[in-house]
Amino acid sequence: MSNRLTAPDRLTRLLSVIPWVTRQDDGALIEDIVHRFDYPRTQLLHDLQDVVFFVGVHPFTPDSLIEVEIGDERVHIRYADWFSRPLRLTPAEGARLLTAGRSVLPLTESDDDNSAGPLLRALTKLGTALGESAADAVDVRLGHAPSDTLAILRDAVARQRQVDIEYYTYGRDELTERRVDSSRIFSDQGNWYLSGWCHRAGGERVFRVDRVRAVALTEEPNTEIGPTSASSFSLHGNYPRVVLRLEQSARWVVEQYPVEQVVENDDHLEVTMVVTAIPWLERLLLRLGPAAELVHRDSTLSADLRSDAASRVFTRYQ
């Protein structure tokens, strides 16, 4: 039995434990729940008393909260009266629920065709109830990445296994081989990412999945997983900063790259960015051309970044 469950593991078990216990006329023995659902006793009691006990809806009166009673090594769970009432959603609430469900749906995909069955069926029924026009208006895209790569990474995260990857680092323009303790996989601003402990770098890193050239699941369990930052990106080290003056046509930079600060003006933006690799900044400046102006830089950075990069490119073509 596992001594530690992740938050998704605990949620999955609770969603199975609650209806099972409610169907037992005399409640359920704690030890039976522990063994039946592979639920560590300490976490089970904590979740029942400090999580399930407070599940309900506004105004959170006793008739709208789930009841949990624990005594004599036995658990009783009773649904709140609110659960027996027909569900009524406004069109706006239904659309929000449909959007949230479709956002989660790609996270449930796996080699098992039935893995997303209940959620997919529920979303289909909800879409039918909302009407064809409302359902078609909701389109959620979490990003593009090879499906086979995503499947392997999801498997690694679920089994808490290490993966070997070949990864293209855009900032340094190099392909490296890495062993990673897989912590979580998530979508952010139109891209899929893997977060985990990189043994090559000796720290937690975030990898864009579409830049993973090859991946292999190992049988080695994760060994160095630490707290995962809630943010998509965490910058390590004392990196220099630059301030770019961007025309409105270059607003996509703010949407595509992590930025520390954005100051909006009538006809331009001033963006503060962390420079983790000089080649990355050079390529960005060349790509932006006259739409970007370097207005401030740390003293460690050359004032002629763009012209130096352009000269090297010109020399190479010659």
C-alpha atoms as a PDB file:
ATOM      1  CA  MET A   1       0.000   0.000   0.000  1.00  0.00           C
ATOM      2  CA  SER A   2       1.267   3.459  -0.835  1.00  0.00           C
ATOM      3  CA  ASN A   3       2.318   5.621   2.116  1.00  0.00           C
ATOM      4  CA  ARG A   4       1.635   8.841   0.242  1.00  0.00           C
ATOM      5  CA  LEU A   5      -1.114   9.844  -2.135  1.00  0.00           C
ATOM      6  CA  THR A   6      -1.027  12.795  -4.472  1.00  0.00           C
ATOM      7  CA  ALA A   7      -3.945  15.233  -4.531  1.00  0.00           C
ATOM      8  CA  PRO A   8      -5.403  13.677  -7.733  1.00  0.00           C
ATOM      9  CA  ASP A   9      -5.108  10.194  -6.164  1.00  0.00           C
ATOM     10  CA  ARG A  10      -6.971  11.340  -3.059  1.00  0.00           C
ATOM     11  CA  LEU A  11      -9.706  13.016  -5.075  1.00  0.00           C
ATOM     12  CA  THR A  12     -10.166   9.898  -7.218  1.00  0.00           C
ATOM     13  CA  ARG A  13     -10.480   7.716  -4.133  1.00  0.00           C
ATOM     14  CA  LEU A  14     -12.865  10.080  -2.359  1.00  0.00           C
ATOM     15  CA  LEU A  15     -15.169  10.110  -5.379  1.00  0.00           C
ATOM     16  CA  SER A  16     -15.318   6.315  -5.070  1.00  0.00           C
ATOM     17  CA  VAL A  17     -15.397   6.116  -1.259  1.00  0.00           C
ATOM     18  CA  ILE A  18     -18.316   8.517  -0.691  1.00  0.00           C
ATOM     19  CA  PRO A  19     -21.002   6.747  -2.794  1.00  0.00           C
ATOM     20  CA  TRP A  20     -19.824   3.327  -1.581  1.00  0.00           C
ATOM     21  CA  VAL A  21     -20.107   4.288   2.089  1.00  0.00           C
ATOM     22  CA  THR A  22     -23.520   5.917   1.602  1.00  0.00           C
ATOM     23  CA  ARG A  23     -24.839   2.624   0.182  1.00  0.00           C
ATOM     24  CA  GLN A  24     -23.897   0.755   3.363  1.00  0.00           C
ATOM     25  CA  ASP A  25     -26.932   0.757   5.677  1.00  0.00           C
ATOM     26  CA  ASP A  26     -24.806   0.537   8.825  1.00  0.00           C
ATOM     27  CA  GLY A  27     -21.907   2.595   7.565  1.00  0.00           C
ATOM     28  CA  ALA A  28     -18.499   1.145   6.747  1.00  0.00           C
ATOM     29  CA  LEU A  29     -15.571   0.045   8.857  1.00  0.00           C
ATOM     30  CA  ILE A  30     -12.552   2.302   8.532  1.00  0.00           C
ATOM     31  CA  GLU A  31     -10.265  -0.681   7.953  1.00  0.00           C
ATOM     32  CA  ASP A  32     -12.547  -1.933   5.173  1.00  0.00           C
ATOM     33  CA  ILE A  33     -12.254   1.435   3.391  1.00  0.00           C
ATOM     34  CA  VAL A  34      -8.476   1.463   3.885  1.00  0.00           C
ATOM     35  CA  HIS A  35      -8.020  -1.937   2.274  1.00  0.00           C
ATOM     36  CA  ARG A  36     -10.765  -1.728  -0.346  1.00  0.00           C
ATOM     37  CA  PHE A  37      -9.570   1.612  -1.766  1.00  0.00           C
ATOM     38  CA  ASP A  38      -5.864   1.409  -0.898  1.00  0.00           C
ATOM     39  CA  TYR A  39      -6.322   4.571   1.192  1.00  0.00           C
ATOM     40  CA  PRO A  40      -3.742   5.250   3.956  1.00  0.00           C
ATOM     41  CA  ARG A  41      -5.657   5.491   7.244  1.00  0.00           C
ATOM     42  CA  THR A  42      -4.224   8.841   8.340  1.00  0.00           C
ATOM     43  CA  GLN A  43      -5.035  10.521   5.034  1.00  0.00           C
ATOM     44  CA  LEU A  44      -8.473   8.902   4.919  1.00  0.00           C
ATOM     45  CA  LEU A  45      -9.480  10.257   8.327  1.00  0.00           C
ATOM     46  CA  HIS A  46      -8.069  13.683   7.507  1.00  0.00           C
ATOM     47  CA  ASP A  47      -9.929  13.865   4.192  1.00  0.00           C
ATOM     48  CA  LEU A  48     -13.216  12.671   5.667  1.00  0.00           C
ATOM     49  CA  GLN A  49     -13.151  15.139   8.562  1.00  0.00           C
ATOM     50  CA  ASP A  50     -11.399  18.151   7.002  1.00  0.00           C
ATOM     51  CA  VAL A  51     -12.484  17.875   3.366  1.00  0.00           C
ATOM     52  CA  VAL A  52     -15.699  15.902   2.819  1.00  0.00           C
ATOM     53  CA  PHE A  53     -17.304  17.322   5.964  1.00  0.00           C
ATOM     54  CA  PHE A  54     -17.187  20.807   4.430  1.00  0.00           C
ATOM     55  CA  VAL A  55     -18.484  19.890   0.964  1.00  0.00           C
ATOM     56  CA  GLY A  56     -21.687  21.705   0.115  1.00  0.00           C
ATOM     57  CA  VAL A  57     -23.239  24.705  -1.568  1.00  0.00           C
ATOM     58  CA  HIS A  58     -24.117  28.243  -0.558  1.00  0.00           C
ATOM     59  CA  PRO A  59     -25.268  29.247   2.057  1.00  0.00           C
ATOM     60  CA  PHE A  60     -23.465  26.238   3.647  1.00  0.00           C
ATOM     61  CA  THR A  61     -26.205  25.532   6.154  1.00  0.00           C
ATOM     62  CA  PRO A  62     -26.536  21.989   7.599  1.00  0.00           C
ATOM     63  CA  ASP A  63     -29.070  20.973   4.938  1.00  0.00           C
ATOM     64  CA  SER A  64     -26.567  21.846   2.175  1.00  0.00           C
ATOM     65  CA  LEU A  65     -23.505  20.041   3.608  1.00  0.00           C
ATOM     66  CA  ILE A  66     -22.532  16.363   3.446  1.00  0.00           C
ATOM     67  CA  GLU A  67     -22.711  14.718   6.889  1.00  0.00           C
ATOM     68  CA  VAL A  68     -19.777  12.606   8.040  1.00  0.00           C
ATOM     69  CA  GLU A  69     -19.850  10.709  11.335  1.00  0.00           C
ATOM     70  CA  ILE A  70     -16.868   8.710  12.601  1.00  0.00           C
ATOM     71  CA  GLY A  71     -17.150   6.557  15.700  1.00  0.00           C
ATOM     72  CA  ASP A  72     -16.414   3.035  16.913  1.00  0.00           C
ATOM     73  CA  GLU A  73     -14.096   2.503  13.928  1.00  0.00           C
ATOM     74  CA  ARG A  74     -17.036   3.014  11.596  1.00  0.00           C
ATOM     75  CA  VAL A  75     -17.885   5.793   9.115  1.00  0.00           C
ATOM     76  CA  HIS A  76     -21.371   7.024   8.213  1.00  0.00           C
ATOM     77  CA  ILE A  77     -21.864   9.429   5.278  1.00  0.00           C
ATOM     78  CA  ARG A  78     -25.187  11.006   4.381  1.00  0.00           C
ATOM     79  CA  TYR A  79     -25.837  13.261   1.428  1.00  0.00           C
ATOM     80  CA  ALA A  80     -27.216  16.713   2.133  1.00  0.00           C
ATOM     81  CA  ASP A  81     -30.874  17.401   1.306  1.00  0.00           C
ATOM     82  CA  TRP A  82     -29.627  19.601  -1.535  1.00  0.00           C
ATOM     83  CA  PHE A  83     -28.450  16.497  -3.448  1.00  0.00           C
ATOM     84  CA  SER A  84     -32.018  15.190  -3.731  1.00  0.00           C
ATOM     85  CA  ARG A  85     -33.224  18.331  -5.489  1.00  0.00           C
ATOM     86  CA  PRO A  86     -33.299  18.478  -9.310  1.00  0.00           C
ATOM     87  CA  LEU A  87     -30.270  20.302 -10.666  1.00  0.00           C
ATOM     88  CA  ARG A  88     -31.141  23.644 -12.235  1.00  0.00           C
ATOM     89  CA  LEU A  89     -28.502  25.554 -14.152  1.00  0.00           C
ATOM     90  CA  THR A  90     -28.779  28.903 -15.860  1.00  0.00           C
ATOM     91  CA  PRO A  91     -27.446  29.018 -19.456  1.00  0.00           C
ATOM     92  CA  ALA A  92     -24.370  30.905 -18.207  1.00  0.00           C
ATOM     93  CA  GLU A  93     -23.710  28.299 -15.485  1.00  0.00           C
ATOM     94  CA  GLY A  94     -24.163  25.481 -17.992  1.00  0.00           C
ATOM     95  CA  ALA A  95     -21.729  27.089 -20.434  1.00  0.00           C
ATOM     96  CA  ARG A  96     -19.117  27.528 -17.673  1.00  0.00           C
ATOM     97  CA  LEU A  97     -19.544  23.909 -16.614  1.00  0.00           C
ATOM     98  CA  LEU A  98     -19.239  22.713 -20.214  1.00  0.00           C
ATOM     99  CA  THR A  99     -16.076  24.785 -20.711  1.00  0.00           C
ATOM    100  CA  ALA A 100     -14.509  23.468 -17.508  1.00  0.00           C
ATOM    101  CA  GLY A 101     -15.372  19.888 -18.442  1.00  0.00           C
ATOM    102  CA  ARG A 102     -13.907  20.192 -21.927  1.00  0.00           C
ATOM    103  CA  SER A 103     -10.765  21.706 -20.409  1.00  0.00           C
ATOM    104  CA  VAL A 104     -10.316  18.643 -18.187  1.00  0.00           C
ATOM    105  CA  LEU A 105     -11.239  16.103 -20.877  1.00  0.00           C
ATOM    106  CA  PRO A 106      -7.799  16.059 -22.616  1.00  0.00           C
ATOM    107  CA  LEU A 107      -6.167  15.322 -19.244  1.00  0.00           C
ATOM    108  CA  THR A 108      -8.150  12.072 -19.000  1.00  0.00           C
ATOM    109  CA  GLU A 109      -7.038  10.689 -22.361  1.00  0.00           C
ATOM    110  CA  SER A 110      -5.049   7.467 -22.310  1.00  0.00           C
ATOM    111  CA  ASP A 111      -4.711   4.222 -24.175  1.00  0.00           C
ATOM    112  CA  ASP A 112      -7.907   3.033 -22.471  1.00  0.00           C
ATOM    113  CA  ASP A 113     -10.819   4.170 -24.650  1.00  0.00           C
ATOM    114  CA  ASN A 114     -13.130   4.053 -21.612  1.00  0.00           C
ATOM    115  CA  SER A 115     -10.995   6.300 -19.395  1.00  0.00           C
ATOM    116  CA  ALA A 116     -12.916   9.460 -20.310  1.00  0.00           C
ATOM    117  CA  GLY A 117     -16.235   7.684 -20.822  1.00  0.00           C
ATOM    118  CA  PRO A 118     -18.287   9.045 -17.886  1.00  0.00           C
ATOM    119  CA  LEU A 119     -17.030  12.607 -18.316  1.00  0.00           C
ATOM    120  CA  LEU A 120     -17.534  12.533 -22.087  1.00  0.00           C
ATOM    121  CA  ARG A 121     -21.077  11.178 -21.701  1.00  0.00           C
ATOM    122  CA  ALA A 122     -21.899  13.856 -19.115  1.00  0.00           C
ATOM    123  CA  LEU A 123     -20.569  16.616 -21.362  1.00  0.00           C
ATOM    124  CA  THR A 124     -22.560  15.241 -24.300  1.00  0.00           C
ATOM    125  CA  LYS A 125     -25.764  15.340 -22.248  1.00  0.00           C
ATOM    126  CA  LEU A 126     -24.980  18.832 -21.000  1.00  0.00           C
ATOM    127  CA  GLY A 127     -24.278  20.035 -24.541  1.00  0.00           C
ATOM    128  CA  THR A 128     -27.595  18.571 -25.714  1.00  0.00           C
ATOM    129  CA  ALA A 129     -29.432  20.349 -22.900  1.00  0.00           C
ATOM    130  CA  LEU A 130     -27.768  23.673 -23.703  1.00  0.00           C
ATOM    131  CA  GLY A 131     -28.628  23.398 -27.373  1.00  0.00           C
ATOM    132  CA  GLU A 132     -26.519  22.916 -30.468  1.00  0.00           C
ATOM    133  CA  SER A 133     -25.600  26.586 -30.905  1.00  0.00           C
ATOM    134  CA  ALA A 134     -24.422  27.005 -27.310  1.00  0.00           C
ATOM    135  CA  ALA A 135     -22.452  23.748 -27.309  1.00  0.00           C
ATOM    136  CA  ASP A 136     -20.750  24.535 -30.629  1.00  0.00           C
ATOM    137  CA  ALA A 137     -19.722  27.961 -29.318  1.00  0.00           C
ATOM    138  CA  VAL A 138     -17.467  26.329 -26.700  1.00  0.00           C
ATOM    139  CA  ASP A 139     -14.126  25.199 -28.094  1.00  0.00           C
ATOM    140  CA  VAL A 140     -11.271  24.474 -25.668  1.00  0.00           C
ATOM    141  CA  ARG A 141      -7.768  23.832 -26.963  1.00  0.00           C
ATOM    142  CA  LEU A 142      -5.053  23.206 -24.391  1.00  0.00           C
ATOM    143  CA  GLY A 143      -2.149  23.052 -26.820  1.00  0.00           C
ATOM    144  CA  HIS A 144      -0.507  20.920 -29.470  1.00  0.00           C
ATOM    145  CA  ALA A 145       1.933  18.121 -28.699  1.00  0.00           C
ATOM    146  CA  PRO A 146       2.493  14.591 -30.092  1.00  0.00           C
ATOM    147  CA  SER A 147      -0.184  12.314 -28.648  1.00  0.00           C
ATOM    148  CA  ASP A 148       2.246   9.424 -28.143  1.00  0.00           C
ATOM    149  CA  THR A 149       4.619  11.664 -26.178  1.00  0.00           C
ATOM    150  CA  LEU A 150       1.771  12.960 -24.029  1.00  0.00           C
ATOM    151  CA  ALA A 151       0.589   9.406 -23.361  1.00  0.00           C
ATOM    152  CA  ILE A 152       4.033   8.303 -22.128  1.00  0.00           C
ATOM    153  CA  LEU A 153       4.422  11.380 -19.931  1.00  0.00           C
ATOM    154  CA  ARG A 154       0.937  10.955 -18.441  1.00  0.00           C
ATOM    155  CA  ASP A 155       1.792   7.341 -17.665  1.00  0.00           C
ATOM    156  CA  ALA A 156       5.051   8.434 -16.030  1.00  0.00           C
ATOM    157  CA  VAL A 157       3.284  10.998 -13.835  1.00  0.00           C
ATOM    158  CA  ALA A 158       0.558   8.535 -12.853  1.00  0.00           C
ATOM    159  CA  ARG A 159       3.118   5.864 -11.920  1.00  0.00           C
ATOM    160  CA  GLN A 160       5.611   8.395 -10.497  1.00  0.00           C
ATOM    161  CA  ARG A 161       8.398   7.078 -12.740  1.00  0.00           C
ATOM    162  CA  GLN A 162      11.495   8.695 -14.197  1.00  0.00           C
ATOM    163  CA  VAL A 163      11.680   9.393 -17.922  1.00  0.00           C
ATOM    164  CA  ASP A 164      14.613   9.772 -20.294  1.00  0.00           C
ATOM    165  CA  ILE A 165      14.070  12.575 -22.787  1.00  0.00           C
ATOM    166  CA  GLU A 166      15.885  14.215 -25.662  1.00  0.00           C
ATOM    167  CA  TYR A 167      15.051  17.893 -25.262  1.00  0.00           C
ATOM    168  CA  TYR A 168      15.623  20.847 -27.547  1.00  0.00           C
ATOM    169  CA  THR A 169      16.512  23.967 -25.546  1.00  0.00           C
ATOM    170  CA  TYR A 170      15.351  26.904 -27.631  1.00  0.00           C
ATOM    171  CA  GLY A 171      17.321  29.501 -25.680  1.00  0.00           C
ATOM    172  CA  ARG A 172      20.679  27.763 -26.214  1.00  0.00           C
ATOM    173  CA  ASP A 173      19.790  26.098 -29.520  1.00  0.00           C
ATOM    174  CA  GLU A 174      20.980  22.674 -28.372  1.00  0.00           C
ATOM    175  CA  LEU A 175      19.657  19.132 -28.034  1.00  0.00           C
ATOM    176  CA  THR A 176      20.368  17.436 -24.703  1.00  0.00           C
ATOM    177  CA  GLU A 177      19.617  14.094 -23.066  1.00  0.00           C
ATOM    178  CA  ARG A 178      18.056  14.273 -19.614  1.00  0.00           C
ATOM    179  CA  ARG A 179      16.695  12.005 -16.873  1.00  0.00           C
ATOM    180  CA  VAL A 180      13.639  13.610 -15.257  1.00  0.00           C
ATOM    181  CA  ASP A 181      11.565  12.718 -12.205  1.00  0.00           C
ATOM    182  CA  SER A 182       8.073  13.372 -13.592  1.00  0.00           C
ATOM    183  CA  SER A 183       6.003  15.484 -11.221  1.00  0.00           C
ATOM    184  CA  ARG A 184       3.069  16.794 -13.249  1.00  0.00           C
ATOM    185  CA  ILE A 185       1.941  17.564 -16.770  1.00  0.00           C
ATOM    186  CA  PHE A 186      -0.160  20.633 -17.472  1.00  0.00           C
ATOM    187  CA  SER A 187      -1.305  23.062 -20.145  1.00  0.00           C
ATOM    188  CA  ASP A 188      -0.549  26.770 -19.980  1.00  0.00           C
ATOM    189  CA  GLN A 189      -1.201  29.501 -22.555  1.00  0.00           C
ATOM    190  CA  GLY A 190      -1.600  27.067 -25.438  1.00  0.00           C
ATOM    191  CA  ASN A 191       1.294  24.693 -24.712  1.00  0.00           C
ATOM    192  CA  TRP A 192       1.763  21.430 -22.828  1.00  0.00           C
ATOM    193  CA  TYR A 193       4.493  21.252 -20.181  1.00  0.00           C
ATOM    194  CA  LEU A 194       6.192  18.612 -18.038  1.00  0.00           C
ATOM    195  CA  SER A 195       7.332  19.721 -14.597  1.00  0.00           C
ATOM    196  CA  GLY A 196       9.829  17.636 -12.651  1.00  0.00           C
ATOM    197  CA  TRP A 197      13.287  17.224 -11.182  1.00  0.00           C
ATOM    198  CA  CYS A 198      15.992  17.293 -13.854  1.00  0.00           C
ATOM    199  CA  HIS A 199      19.002  15.181 -12.832  1.00  0.00           C
ATOM    200  CA  ARG A 200      21.214  16.896 -15.399  1.00  0.00           C
ATOM    201  CA  ALA A 201      20.434  20.384 -14.082  1.00  0.00           C
ATOM    202  CA  GLY A 202      20.198  19.286 -10.462  1.00  0.00           C
ATOM    203  CA  GLY A 203      16.907  21.064  -9.834  1.00  0.00           C
ATOM    204  CA  GLU A 204      13.232  21.387 -10.703  1.00  0.00           C
ATOM    205  CA  ARG A 205      12.625  22.379 -14.306  1.00  0.00           C
ATOM    206  CA  VAL A 206       9.716  22.854 -16.723  1.00  0.00           C
ATOM    207  CA  PHE A 207       9.912  21.326 -20.213  1.00  0.00           C
ATOM    208  CA  ARG A 208       7.711  22.191 -23.185  1.00  0.00           C
ATOM    209  CA  VAL A 209       6.355  18.902 -24.495  1.00  0.00           C
ATOM    210  CA  ASP A 210       6.472  19.907 -28.159  1.00  0.00           C
ATOM    211  CA  ARG A 211      10.259  20.323 -27.774  1.00  0.00           C
ATOM    212  CA  VAL A 212      10.725  16.769 -26.486  1.00  0.00           C
ATOM    213  CA  ARG A 213      12.253  14.954 -29.451  1.00  0.00           C
ATOM    214  CA  ALA A 214      12.183  11.489 -27.846  1.00  0.00           C
ATOM    215  CA  VAL A 215      10.942  10.040 -24.561  1.00  0.00           C
ATOM    216  CA  ALA A 216      11.308   6.672 -22.843  1.00  0.00           C
ATOM    217  CA  LEU A 217       9.609   5.557 -19.645  1.00  0.00           C
ATOM    218  CA  THR A 218      11.971   3.891 -17.159  1.00  0.00           C
ATOM    219  CA  GLU A 219      11.204   1.533 -14.303  1.00  0.00           C
ATOM    220  CA  GLU A 220      13.019   3.817 -11.851  1.00  0.00           C
ATOM    221  CA  PRO A 221      10.724   5.513  -9.307  1.00  0.00           C
ATOM    222  CA  ASN A 222      10.951   9.245  -8.718  1.00  0.00           C
ATOM    223  CA  THR A 223      13.588  10.062  -6.108  1.00  0.00           C
ATOM    224  CA  GLU A 224      13.936  13.836  -6.003  1.00  0.00           C
ATOM    225  CA  ILE A 225      10.404  15.192  -6.278  1.00  0.00           C
ATOM    226  CA  GLY A 226       9.970  18.295  -4.161  1.00  0.00           C
ATOM    227  CA  PRO A 227       7.235  20.924  -3.862  1.00  0.00           C
ATOM    228  CA  THR A 228       5.903  21.857  -7.288  1.00  0.00           C
ATOM    229  CA  SER A 229       5.518  25.539  -7.980  1.00  0.00           C
ATOM    230  CA  ALA A 230       1.975  26.591  -8.757  1.00  0.00           C
ATOM    231  CA  SER A 231       3.379  28.850 -11.425  1.00  0.00           C
ATOM    232  CA  SER A 232       4.178  27.475 -14.840  1.00  0.00           C
ATOM    233  CA  PHE A 233       7.719  28.809 -14.779  1.00  0.00           C
ATOM    234  CA  SER A 234      10.180  29.328 -11.950  1.00  0.00           C
ATOM    235  CA  LEU A 235      13.466  30.991 -12.837  1.00  0.00           C
ATOM    236  CA  HIS A 236      16.567  29.759 -11.041  1.00  0.00           C
ATOM    237  CA  GLY A 237      19.668  31.878 -10.661  1.00  0.00           C
ATOM    238  CA  ASN A 238      20.476  35.563 -10.883  1.00  0.00           C
ATOM    239  CA  TYR A 239      19.641  36.236 -14.527  1.00  0.00           C
ATOM    240  CA  PRO A 240      19.943  39.665 -16.198  1.00  0.00           C
ATOM    241  CA  ARG A 241      16.890  41.693 -17.207  1.00  0.00           C
ATOM    242  CA  VAL A 242      16.002  43.755 -20.247  1.00  0.00           C
ATOM    243  CA  VAL A 243      13.250  46.244 -20.968  1.00  0.00           C
ATOM    244  CA  LEU A 244      11.851  46.179 -24.503  1.00  0.00           C
ATOM    245  CA  ARG A 245       9.710  48.865 -26.093  1.00  0.00           C
ATOM    246  CA  LEU A 246       7.248  46.952 -28.272  1.00  0.00           C
ATOM    247  CA  GLU A 247       4.868  48.217 -30.893  1.00  0.00           C
ATOM    248  CA  GLN A 248       1.276  47.015 -30.581  1.00  0.00           C
ATOM    249  CA  SER A 249       1.892  44.590 -33.461  1.00  0.00           C
ATOM    250  CA  ALA A 250       4.416  42.779 -31.224  1.00  0.00           C
ATOM    251  CA  ARG A 251       1.956  42.198 -28.367  1.00  0.00           C
ATOM    252  CA  TRP A 252       2.243  38.457 -29.046  1.00  0.00           C
ATOM    253  CA  VAL A 253       5.558  38.503 -27.161  1.00  0.00           C
ATOM    254  CA  VAL A 254       3.682  39.103 -23.899  1.00  0.00           C
ATOM    255  CA  GLU A 255       1.337  36.207 -24.641  1.00  0.00           C
ATOM    256  CA  GLN A 256       4.052  33.755 -25.713  1.00  0.00           C
ATOM    257  CA  TYR A 257       6.912  34.409 -23.276  1.00  0.00           C
ATOM    258  CA  PRO A 258       7.103  34.809 -19.469  1.00  0.00           C
ATOM    259  CA  VAL A 259       7.428  38.490 -18.538  1.00  0.00           C
ATOM    260  CA  GLU A 260       7.994  40.197 -15.196  1.00  0.00           C
ATOM    261  CA  GLN A 261       6.218  43.468 -15.913  1.00  0.00           C
ATOM    262  CA  VAL A 262       4.153  45.077 -18.658  1.00  0.00           C
ATOM    263  CA  VAL A 263       3.485  48.821 -18.853  1.00  0.00           C
ATOM    264  CA  GLU A 264       0.726  49.764 -21.286  1.00  0.00           C
ATOM    265  CA  ASN A 265       0.972  53.001 -23.288  1.00  0.00           C
ATOM    266  CA  ASP A 266      -1.212  54.393 -26.054  1.00  0.00           C
ATOM    267  CA  ASP A 267       0.887  53.156 -28.943  1.00  0.00           C
ATOM    268  CA  HIS A 268       3.405  50.762 -27.373  1.00  0.00           C
ATOM    269  CA  LEU A 269       4.237  48.473 -24.447  1.00  0.00           C
ATOM    270  CA  GLU A 270       7.269  48.423 -22.192  1.00  0.00           C
ATOM    271  CA  VAL A 271       8.039  44.854 -21.185  1.00  0.00           C
ATOM    272  CA  THR A 272      10.537  43.654 -18.582  1.00  0.00           C
ATOM    273  CA  MET A 273      11.894  40.178 -19.337  1.00  0.00           C
ATOM    274  CA  VAL A 274      14.359  37.799 -17.718  1.00  0.00           C
ATOM    275  CA  VAL A 275      17.194  36.719 -20.037  1.00  0.00           C
ATOM    276  CA  THR A 276      18.027  33.081 -19.372  1.00  0.00           C
ATOM    277  CA  ALA A 277      20.096  32.746 -22.555  1.00  0.00           C
ATOM    278  CA  ILE A 278      21.605  35.449 -24.773  1.00  0.00           C
ATOM    279  CA  PRO A 279      21.053  33.529 -28.069  1.00  0.00           C
ATOM    280  CA  TRP A 280      17.331  33.445 -27.286  1.00  0.00           C
ATOM    281  CA  LEU A 281      17.222  37.235 -26.837  1.00  0.00           C
ATOM    282  CA  GLU A 282      19.235  37.788 -30.020  1.00  0.00           C
ATOM    283  CA  ARG A 283      16.850  35.656 -32.071  1.00  0.00           C
ATOM    284  CA  LEU A 284      13.844  37.411 -30.540  1.00  0.00           C
ATOM    285  CA  LEU A 285      15.240  40.857 -31.399  1.00  0.00           C
ATOM    286  CA  LEU A 286      16.030  39.784 -34.969  1.00  0.00           C
ATOM    287  CA  ARG A 287      12.533  38.360 -35.358  1.00  0.00           C
ATOM    288  CA  LEU A 288      10.905  41.540 -34.048  1.00  0.00           C
ATOM    289  CA  GLY A 289      13.003  43.881 -36.170  1.00  0.00           C
ATOM    290  CA  PRO A 290      11.870  47.522 -35.976  1.00  0.00           C
ATOM    291  CA  ALA A 291       8.848  46.530 -33.846  1.00  0.00           C
ATOM    292  CA  ALA A 292      11.112  46.291 -30.784  1.00  0.00           C
ATOM    293  CA  GLU A 293      13.610  48.637 -29.182  1.00  0.00           C
ATOM    294  CA  LEU A 294      16.013  47.716 -26.381  1.00  0.00           C
ATOM    295  CA  VAL A 295      15.526  50.587 -23.916  1.00  0.00           C
ATOM    296  CA  HIS A 296      17.256  49.116 -20.862  1.00  0.00           C
ATOM    297  CA  ARG A 297      19.655  46.255 -20.207  1.00  0.00           C
ATOM    298  CA  ASP A 298      21.809  44.937 -17.394  1.00  0.00           C
ATOM    299  CA  SER A 299      25.468  45.875 -17.659  1.00  0.00           C
ATOM    300  CA  THR A 300      26.377  42.255 -18.387  1.00  0.00           C
ATOM    301  CA  LEU A 301      24.566  42.439 -21.728  1.00  0.00           C
ATOM    302  CA  SER A 302      25.982  44.040 -24.864  1.00  0.00           C
ATOM    303  CA  ALA A 303      24.298  47.148 -26.236  1.00  0.00           C
ATOM    304  CA  ASP A 304      24.726  45.738 -29.761  1.00  0.00           C
ATOM    305  CA  LEU A 305      22.974  42.418 -29.304  1.00  0.00           C
ATOM    306  CA  ARG A 306      20.848  42.719 -32.426  1.00  0.00           C
ATOM    307  CA  SER A 307      23.563  44.054 -34.736  1.00  0.00           C
ATOM    308  CA  ASP A 308      26.100  41.486 -33.491  1.00  0.00           C
ATOM    309  CA  ALA A 309      23.650  38.648 -34.147  1.00  0.00           C
ATOM    310  CA  ALA A 310      22.772  40.052 -37.570  1.00  0.00           C
ATOM    311  CA  SER A 311      26.478  40.293 -38.483  1.00  0.00           C
ATOM    312  CA  ARG A 312      27.045  36.663 -37.549  1.00  0.00           C
ATOM    313  CA  VAL A 313      24.068  35.577 -39.625  1.00  0.00           C
ATOM    314  CA  PHE A 314      25.273  37.638 -42.584  1.00  0.00           C
ATOM    315  CA  THR A 315      28.794  36.187 -42.281  1.00  0.00           C
ATOM    316  CA  ARG A 316      27.423  32.640 -42.199  1.00  0.00           C
ATOM    317  CA  TYR A 317      25.395  33.197 -45.372  1.00  0.00           C
ATOM    318  CA  GLN A 318      28.423  34.703 -47.125  1.00  0.00           C
END
